[in-house]
């Protein structure tokens, strides 16, 4: 994981805990993104190559599960259904979205 992304992920999980929540961080297998998750939410944080900054998304888990049940691969979901499953939010709103 990119060191800049690692620091940002730590800041976000710390903020979630300060707000009384809990979130775990998992690798996506890619250097430029991580997944935050807890019992109720899933979110993605990535470093944008276009803006050279961070981008945050809430993952619509129900739509992701539907896509998998319909036979879409992970790659298909990310490439073909991105706009339906990944809902862009402000990075500063990410900790609140994980409560």
N, C-alpha and C. Protein backbone atom coordinates (compact mmCIF):
# COMPACT_ATOMS: atom_id res chain seq x y z
N UNK A 1 0.84 -1.18 0.00
CA UNK A 1 0.00 0.00 0.00
C UNK A 1 0.89 1.24 0.00
N UNK A 2 0.53 2.18 -0.78
CA UNK A 2 1.20 3.46 -0.88
C UNK A 2 1.28 4.11 0.51
N UNK A 3 2.41 4.70 0.87
CA UNK A 3 2.59 5.29 2.21
C UNK A 3 1.64 6.46 2.46
N UNK A 4 1.36 7.25 1.45
CA UNK A 4 0.41 8.35 1.59
C UNK A 4 -1.00 7.81 1.88
N UNK A 5 -1.36 6.76 1.18
CA UNK A 5 -2.66 6.11 1.40
C UNK A 5 -2.72 5.48 2.79
N UNK A 6 -1.64 4.87 3.22
CA UNK A 6 -1.59 4.26 4.56
C UNK A 6 -1.83 5.30 5.64
N UNK A 7 -1.18 6.46 5.52
CA UNK A 7 -1.38 7.53 6.52
C UNK A 7 -2.82 8.03 6.52
N UNK A 8 -3.39 8.21 5.33
CA UNK A 8 -4.77 8.69 5.24
C UNK A 8 -5.74 7.65 5.81
N UNK A 9 -5.50 6.39 5.54
CA UNK A 9 -6.35 5.32 6.08
C UNK A 9 -6.29 5.31 7.61
N UNK A 10 -5.10 5.50 8.16
CA UNK A 10 -4.96 5.56 9.62
C UNK A 10 -5.74 6.73 10.19
N UNK A 11 -5.64 7.90 9.55
CA UNK A 11 -6.37 9.08 10.03
C UNK A 11 -7.88 8.84 10.01
N UNK A 12 -8.36 8.19 8.97
CA UNK A 12 -9.80 7.94 8.86
C UNK A 12 -10.26 6.95 9.92
N UNK A 13 -9.53 5.86 10.11
CA UNK A 13 -9.95 4.88 11.14
C UNK A 13 -9.87 5.50 12.53
N UNK A 14 -8.89 6.34 12.78
CA UNK A 14 -8.79 7.02 14.07
C UNK A 14 -10.00 7.94 14.28
N UNK A 15 -10.39 8.67 13.24
CA UNK A 15 -11.56 9.55 13.33
C UNK A 15 -12.85 8.76 13.56
N UNK A 16 -12.98 7.63 12.90
CA UNK A 16 -14.16 6.77 13.12
C UNK A 16 -14.23 6.35 14.58
N UNK A 17 -13.11 5.95 15.15
CA UNK A 17 -13.08 5.54 16.56
C UNK A 17 -13.41 6.71 17.48
N UNK A 18 -12.90 7.90 17.17
CA UNK A 18 -13.21 9.10 17.96
C UNK A 18 -14.70 9.39 17.94
N UNK A 19 -15.36 9.07 16.84
CA UNK A 19 -16.80 9.29 16.71
C UNK A 19 -17.62 8.15 17.31
N UNK A 20 -16.93 7.15 17.87
CA UNK A 20 -17.62 6.05 18.53
C UNK A 20 -17.90 4.85 17.66
N UNK A 21 -17.31 4.81 16.49
CA UNK A 21 -17.53 3.69 15.58
C UNK A 21 -16.33 2.77 15.51
N UNK A 22 -16.42 1.84 14.60
CA UNK A 22 -15.34 0.89 14.39
C UNK A 22 -15.26 0.59 12.90
N UNK A 23 -14.07 0.57 12.38
CA UNK A 23 -13.87 0.24 10.97
C UNK A 23 -12.55 -0.48 10.80
N UNK A 24 -12.56 -1.49 9.97
CA UNK A 24 -11.34 -2.22 9.62
C UNK A 24 -10.92 -1.79 8.23
N UNK A 25 -9.65 -1.94 7.95
CA UNK A 25 -9.10 -1.60 6.64
C UNK A 25 -8.54 -2.87 6.01
N UNK A 26 -8.86 -3.08 4.75
CA UNK A 26 -8.36 -4.24 4.01
C UNK A 26 -7.75 -3.79 2.70
N UNK A 27 -6.81 -4.55 2.24
CA UNK A 27 -6.18 -4.27 0.96
C UNK A 27 -7.12 -4.65 -0.17
N UNK A 28 -7.02 -3.94 -1.27
CA UNK A 28 -7.76 -4.29 -2.47
C UNK A 28 -6.88 -5.10 -3.42
N UNK A 29 -5.61 -5.26 -3.03
CA UNK A 29 -4.66 -5.91 -3.91
C UNK A 29 -4.01 -4.93 -4.88
N UNK A 30 -4.41 -3.67 -4.77
CA UNK A 30 -3.83 -2.62 -5.62
C UNK A 30 -3.13 -1.61 -4.73
N UNK A 31 -2.10 -1.01 -5.23
CA UNK A 31 -1.28 -0.08 -4.47
C UNK A 31 -2.01 1.22 -4.14
N UNK A 32 -3.01 1.58 -4.94
CA UNK A 32 -3.61 2.91 -4.81
C UNK A 32 -4.99 2.93 -4.15
N UNK A 33 -5.42 1.83 -3.52
CA UNK A 33 -6.75 1.85 -2.89
C UNK A 33 -6.84 0.89 -1.71
N UNK A 34 -7.75 1.22 -0.79
CA UNK A 34 -8.04 0.35 0.36
C UNK A 34 -9.56 0.33 0.56
N UNK A 35 -10.00 -0.70 1.26
CA UNK A 35 -11.42 -0.83 1.59
C UNK A 35 -11.57 -0.69 3.09
N UNK A 36 -12.53 0.11 3.50
CA UNK A 36 -12.92 0.23 4.91
C UNK A 36 -14.21 -0.56 5.06
N UNK A 37 -14.36 -1.26 6.17
CA UNK A 37 -15.60 -2.02 6.36
C UNK A 37 -15.88 -2.22 7.84
N UNK A 38 -17.15 -2.36 8.11
CA UNK A 38 -17.64 -2.76 9.42
C UNK A 38 -18.91 -3.55 9.21
N UNK A 39 -19.67 -3.80 10.26
CA UNK A 39 -20.87 -4.63 10.12
C UNK A 39 -21.95 -3.99 9.27
N UNK A 40 -21.87 -2.68 9.07
CA UNK A 40 -22.96 -2.00 8.40
C UNK A 40 -22.59 -1.30 7.10
N UNK A 41 -21.32 -1.04 6.88
CA UNK A 41 -20.93 -0.24 5.72
C UNK A 41 -19.65 -0.76 5.09
N UNK A 42 -19.51 -0.44 3.82
CA UNK A 42 -18.28 -0.70 3.10
C UNK A 42 -17.96 0.57 2.31
N UNK A 43 -16.70 0.98 2.37
CA UNK A 43 -16.29 2.18 1.65
C UNK A 43 -14.93 1.93 1.00
N UNK A 44 -14.65 2.69 -0.01
CA UNK A 44 -13.39 2.57 -0.74
C UNK A 44 -12.71 3.93 -0.74
N UNK A 45 -11.41 3.93 -0.48
CA UNK A 45 -10.60 5.14 -0.58
C UNK A 45 -9.50 4.86 -1.58
N UNK A 46 -9.34 5.77 -2.53
CA UNK A 46 -8.28 5.57 -3.51
C UNK A 46 -7.56 6.88 -3.79
N UNK A 47 -6.36 6.75 -4.31
CA UNK A 47 -5.61 7.90 -4.76
C UNK A 47 -5.91 8.03 -6.25
N UNK A 48 -6.43 9.18 -6.64
CA UNK A 48 -6.78 9.42 -8.03
C UNK A 48 -5.56 9.79 -8.83
N UNK A 49 -5.39 9.12 -9.93
CA UNK A 49 -4.28 9.47 -10.81
C UNK A 49 -4.59 10.74 -11.59
N UNK A 50 -5.87 11.07 -11.72
CA UNK A 50 -6.27 12.25 -12.48
C UNK A 50 -6.05 13.54 -11.68
N UNK A 51 -6.45 13.52 -10.43
CA UNK A 51 -6.40 14.75 -9.63
C UNK A 51 -5.22 14.78 -8.68
N UNK A 52 -4.50 13.67 -8.55
CA UNK A 52 -3.38 13.56 -7.63
C UNK A 52 -3.82 13.78 -6.19
N UNK A 53 -5.06 13.44 -5.90
CA UNK A 53 -5.60 13.54 -4.56
C UNK A 53 -6.39 12.28 -4.23
N UNK A 54 -7.13 12.32 -3.15
CA UNK A 54 -7.91 11.16 -2.74
C UNK A 54 -9.33 11.22 -3.27
N UNK A 55 -9.91 10.06 -3.49
CA UNK A 55 -11.32 9.93 -3.83
C UNK A 55 -11.92 8.90 -2.89
N UNK A 56 -13.16 9.13 -2.48
CA UNK A 56 -13.84 8.21 -1.57
C UNK A 56 -15.18 7.79 -2.15
N UNK A 57 -15.54 6.56 -1.88
CA UNK A 57 -16.79 6.00 -2.38
C UNK A 57 -17.42 5.13 -1.30
N UNK A 58 -18.75 5.16 -1.24
CA UNK A 58 -19.49 4.17 -0.47
C UNK A 58 -19.83 3.07 -1.46
N UNK A 59 -19.71 1.84 -1.03
CA UNK A 59 -20.03 0.72 -1.90
C UNK A 59 -21.45 0.25 -1.59
N UNK A 60 -22.30 0.20 -2.60
CA UNK A 60 -23.66 -0.31 -2.43
C UNK A 60 -23.56 -1.84 -2.41
N UNK A 61 -23.52 -2.39 -1.21
CA UNK A 61 -23.29 -3.82 -1.02
C UNK A 61 -24.40 -4.65 -1.65
N UNK A 62 -25.63 -4.19 -1.54
CA UNK A 62 -26.75 -4.94 -2.12
C UNK A 62 -26.61 -5.07 -3.63
N UNK A 63 -26.22 -3.99 -4.30
CA UNK A 63 -26.03 -4.04 -5.75
C UNK A 63 -24.82 -4.90 -6.11
N UNK A 64 -23.77 -4.82 -5.29
CA UNK A 64 -22.58 -5.66 -5.53
C UNK A 64 -22.97 -7.13 -5.46
N UNK A 65 -23.73 -7.49 -4.43
CA UNK A 65 -24.14 -8.89 -4.26
C UNK A 65 -25.05 -9.32 -5.41
N UNK A 66 -25.94 -8.43 -5.84
CA UNK A 66 -26.79 -8.74 -6.98
C UNK A 66 -25.94 -9.02 -8.21
N UNK A 67 -24.95 -8.15 -8.47
CA UNK A 67 -24.10 -8.31 -9.64
C UNK A 67 -23.35 -9.64 -9.60
N UNK A 68 -22.84 -10.00 -8.43
CA UNK A 68 -22.16 -11.29 -8.30
C UNK A 68 -23.11 -12.44 -8.57
N UNK A 69 -24.33 -12.35 -8.05
CA UNK A 69 -25.31 -13.43 -8.26
C UNK A 69 -25.72 -13.53 -9.73
N UNK A 70 -25.59 -12.44 -10.46
CA UNK A 70 -25.90 -12.43 -11.90
C UNK A 70 -24.71 -12.89 -12.74
N UNK A 71 -23.60 -13.19 -12.08
CA UNK A 71 -22.45 -13.73 -12.80
C UNK A 71 -21.38 -12.72 -13.19
N UNK A 72 -21.51 -11.47 -12.74
CA UNK A 72 -20.48 -10.48 -13.03
C UNK A 72 -19.23 -10.80 -12.22
N UNK A 73 -18.08 -10.70 -12.84
CA UNK A 73 -16.81 -10.88 -12.12
C UNK A 73 -16.49 -9.59 -11.37
N UNK A 74 -15.54 -9.64 -10.47
CA UNK A 74 -15.12 -8.44 -9.74
C UNK A 74 -14.66 -7.36 -10.73
N UNK A 75 -13.92 -7.80 -11.73
CA UNK A 75 -13.43 -6.87 -12.74
C UNK A 75 -14.60 -6.22 -13.51
N UNK A 76 -15.60 -7.02 -13.87
CA UNK A 76 -16.78 -6.49 -14.56
C UNK A 76 -17.51 -5.49 -13.68
N UNK A 77 -17.66 -5.81 -12.40
CA UNK A 77 -18.37 -4.93 -11.48
C UNK A 77 -17.66 -3.57 -11.43
N UNK A 78 -16.36 -3.60 -11.28
CA UNK A 78 -15.59 -2.36 -11.16
C UNK A 78 -15.63 -1.56 -12.46
N UNK A 79 -15.52 -2.24 -13.58
CA UNK A 79 -15.44 -1.51 -14.85
C UNK A 79 -16.81 -1.16 -15.44
N UNK A 80 -17.75 -2.11 -15.41
CA UNK A 80 -19.02 -1.91 -16.11
C UNK A 80 -20.11 -1.31 -15.23
N UNK A 81 -20.07 -1.58 -13.93
CA UNK A 81 -21.15 -1.14 -13.04
C UNK A 81 -20.70 -0.09 -12.04
N UNK A 82 -19.53 0.47 -12.27
CA UNK A 82 -18.92 1.41 -11.33
C UNK A 82 -19.88 2.50 -10.85
N UNK A 83 -20.56 3.16 -11.76
CA UNK A 83 -21.45 4.27 -11.40
C UNK A 83 -22.66 3.85 -10.59
N UNK A 84 -23.06 2.60 -10.70
CA UNK A 84 -24.22 2.10 -9.96
C UNK A 84 -23.85 1.59 -8.57
N UNK A 85 -22.63 1.13 -8.42
CA UNK A 85 -22.24 0.46 -7.17
C UNK A 85 -21.35 1.33 -6.29
N UNK A 86 -20.51 2.16 -6.89
CA UNK A 86 -19.61 3.03 -6.14
C UNK A 86 -20.19 4.44 -6.13
N UNK A 87 -20.64 4.88 -4.98
CA UNK A 87 -21.28 6.19 -4.84
C UNK A 87 -20.26 7.17 -4.27
N UNK A 88 -19.84 8.12 -5.08
CA UNK A 88 -18.78 9.04 -4.69
C UNK A 88 -19.24 9.96 -3.56
N UNK A 89 -18.37 10.13 -2.57
CA UNK A 89 -18.61 11.04 -1.45
C UNK A 89 -17.36 11.87 -1.23
N UNK A 90 -17.48 12.91 -0.42
CA UNK A 90 -16.32 13.70 -0.04
C UNK A 90 -15.45 12.88 0.91
N UNK A 91 -14.16 12.98 0.76
CA UNK A 91 -13.24 12.22 1.62
C UNK A 91 -13.49 12.56 3.09
N UNK A 92 -13.75 13.83 3.39
CA UNK A 92 -13.97 14.22 4.79
C UNK A 92 -15.27 13.64 5.36
N UNK A 93 -16.18 13.17 4.51
CA UNK A 93 -17.42 12.53 4.97
C UNK A 93 -17.27 11.03 5.20
N UNK A 94 -16.15 10.48 4.82
CA UNK A 94 -15.94 9.04 4.93
C UNK A 94 -16.08 8.51 6.36
N UNK A 95 -15.46 9.14 7.37
CA UNK A 95 -15.62 8.60 8.72
C UNK A 95 -17.09 8.53 9.18
N UNK A 96 -17.87 9.55 8.88
CA UNK A 96 -19.29 9.54 9.27
C UNK A 96 -20.07 8.45 8.54
N UNK A 97 -19.68 8.15 7.33
CA UNK A 97 -20.39 7.13 6.56
C UNK A 97 -20.13 5.73 7.10
N UNK A 98 -19.14 5.59 7.94
CA UNK A 98 -18.80 4.29 8.52
C UNK A 98 -19.36 4.11 9.93
N UNK A 99 -20.28 4.98 10.33
CA UNK A 99 -20.91 4.86 11.66
C UNK A 99 -22.21 4.12 11.54
